N, C-alpha and C. Protein backbone atom coordinates (compact mmCIF):
# COMPACT_ATOMS: atom_id res chain seq x y z
N MET A 1 -44.94 14.22 -6.74
CA MET A 1 -43.79 15.06 -7.08
C MET A 1 -42.49 14.27 -6.94
N LYS A 2 -42.42 13.49 -5.86
CA LYS A 2 -41.21 12.71 -5.63
C LYS A 2 -40.97 11.72 -6.77
N GLU A 3 -42.08 11.09 -7.24
CA GLU A 3 -41.95 10.10 -8.31
C GLU A 3 -41.41 10.75 -9.59
N ALA A 4 -41.87 11.96 -9.87
CA ALA A 4 -41.41 12.65 -11.07
C ALA A 4 -39.91 12.90 -10.99
N ASN A 5 -39.44 13.35 -9.82
CA ASN A 5 -38.01 13.57 -9.65
C ASN A 5 -37.24 12.27 -9.85
N GLN A 6 -37.77 11.18 -9.32
CA GLN A 6 -37.13 9.87 -9.47
C GLN A 6 -37.00 9.52 -10.95
N ALA A 7 -38.08 9.72 -11.69
CA ALA A 7 -38.07 9.41 -13.12
C ALA A 7 -37.03 10.25 -13.84
N MET A 8 -36.96 11.53 -13.52
CA MET A 8 -35.98 12.41 -14.15
C MET A 8 -34.56 11.93 -13.86
N THR A 9 -34.32 11.51 -12.61
CA THR A 9 -32.99 11.03 -12.24
C THR A 9 -32.63 9.80 -13.06
N GLU A 10 -33.59 8.87 -13.20
CA GLU A 10 -33.34 7.65 -13.98
C GLU A 10 -33.01 8.00 -15.43
N ILE A 11 -33.80 8.90 -16.02
CA ILE A 11 -33.57 9.30 -17.41
C ILE A 11 -32.18 9.92 -17.54
N HIS A 12 -31.83 10.78 -16.59
CA HIS A 12 -30.53 11.44 -16.63
C HIS A 12 -29.41 10.42 -16.58
N LYS A 13 -29.55 9.42 -15.71
CA LYS A 13 -28.54 8.36 -15.60
C LYS A 13 -28.38 7.65 -16.94
N GLU A 14 -29.51 7.29 -17.56
CA GLU A 14 -29.46 6.58 -18.84
C GLU A 14 -28.79 7.44 -19.90
N ASN A 15 -29.13 8.73 -19.94
CA ASN A 15 -28.52 9.62 -20.92
C ASN A 15 -27.01 9.68 -20.73
N LYS A 16 -26.57 9.77 -19.47
CA LYS A 16 -25.14 9.84 -19.20
C LYS A 16 -24.45 8.57 -19.67
N GLN A 17 -25.05 7.42 -19.37
CA GLN A 17 -24.45 6.16 -19.80
C GLN A 17 -24.33 6.10 -21.31
N SER A 18 -25.39 6.47 -22.03
CA SER A 18 -25.37 6.37 -23.48
C SER A 18 -24.33 7.33 -24.05
N SER A 19 -24.19 8.53 -23.48
CA SER A 19 -23.19 9.47 -24.00
C SER A 19 -21.78 8.94 -23.73
N ASP A 20 -21.57 8.27 -22.59
CA ASP A 20 -20.27 7.66 -22.32
C ASP A 20 -19.98 6.60 -23.38
N GLN A 21 -20.97 5.78 -23.70
CA GLN A 21 -20.78 4.75 -24.72
C GLN A 21 -20.45 5.38 -26.06
N GLU A 22 -21.16 6.44 -26.42
CA GLU A 22 -20.91 7.11 -27.69
C GLU A 22 -19.48 7.64 -27.75
N ARG A 23 -18.99 8.17 -26.61
CA ARG A 23 -17.63 8.67 -26.56
C ARG A 23 -16.64 7.54 -26.82
N GLU A 24 -16.88 6.38 -26.18
CA GLU A 24 -16.00 5.22 -26.39
C GLU A 24 -16.01 4.81 -27.86
N VAL A 25 -17.18 4.76 -28.46
CA VAL A 25 -17.28 4.38 -29.87
C VAL A 25 -16.51 5.36 -30.73
N ALA A 26 -16.64 6.65 -30.45
CA ALA A 26 -15.93 7.66 -31.23
C ALA A 26 -14.42 7.48 -31.10
N LYS A 27 -13.95 7.19 -29.88
CA LYS A 27 -12.52 6.93 -29.66
C LYS A 27 -12.06 5.78 -30.52
N THR A 28 -12.81 4.67 -30.48
CA THR A 28 -12.44 3.49 -31.25
C THR A 28 -12.42 3.80 -32.73
N LYS A 29 -13.41 4.52 -33.21
CA LYS A 29 -13.48 4.86 -34.63
C LYS A 29 -12.27 5.68 -35.03
N SER A 30 -11.91 6.69 -34.24
CA SER A 30 -10.78 7.55 -34.60
C SER A 30 -9.48 6.74 -34.60
N LYS A 31 -9.35 5.78 -33.67
CA LYS A 31 -8.16 4.92 -33.65
C LYS A 31 -8.08 4.12 -34.94
N ILE A 32 -9.21 3.53 -35.35
CA ILE A 32 -9.24 2.73 -36.58
C ILE A 32 -8.88 3.62 -37.77
N ILE A 33 -9.43 4.82 -37.82
CA ILE A 33 -9.15 5.74 -38.93
C ILE A 33 -7.65 6.07 -38.95
N GLU A 34 -7.06 6.34 -37.78
CA GLU A 34 -5.63 6.62 -37.71
C GLU A 34 -4.83 5.47 -38.30
N LYS A 35 -5.17 4.24 -37.90
CA LYS A 35 -4.45 3.07 -38.40
C LYS A 35 -4.52 2.99 -39.91
N THR A 36 -5.71 3.15 -40.47
CA THR A 36 -5.86 3.00 -41.92
C THR A 36 -5.12 4.11 -42.66
N THR A 37 -5.16 5.34 -42.15
CA THR A 37 -4.49 6.43 -42.85
C THR A 37 -2.98 6.26 -42.78
N THR A 38 -2.45 5.82 -41.65
CA THR A 38 -1.00 5.64 -41.56
C THR A 38 -0.56 4.51 -42.49
N ARG A 39 -1.39 3.48 -42.62
CA ARG A 39 -1.04 2.38 -43.52
C ARG A 39 -1.01 2.90 -44.95
N ARG A 40 -1.94 3.76 -45.32
CA ARG A 40 -1.99 4.32 -46.68
C ARG A 40 -0.76 5.18 -46.95
N ASN A 41 -0.32 5.90 -45.93
CA ASN A 41 0.84 6.77 -46.12
C ASN A 41 2.14 5.98 -46.15
N GLY A 42 2.09 4.70 -45.82
CA GLY A 42 3.26 3.85 -45.90
C GLY A 42 4.20 4.02 -44.72
N ARG A 43 3.67 4.45 -43.57
CA ARG A 43 4.53 4.58 -42.39
C ARG A 43 4.57 3.28 -41.62
C-alpha cells in the first residue's frame, strides 16, 4: 500500500511540473503573438 502511495505522489509531482512548463510555454506564445500583432498594427 505504501508503495502505491509513493507512486501516486511521484506521478502527481511529474504532472505538476509538466503543467507548469505548459503554462510557461503559453505565456511565451502569447508574448510572441502580442509582438507580431502590434507590429502589424504599426505601433
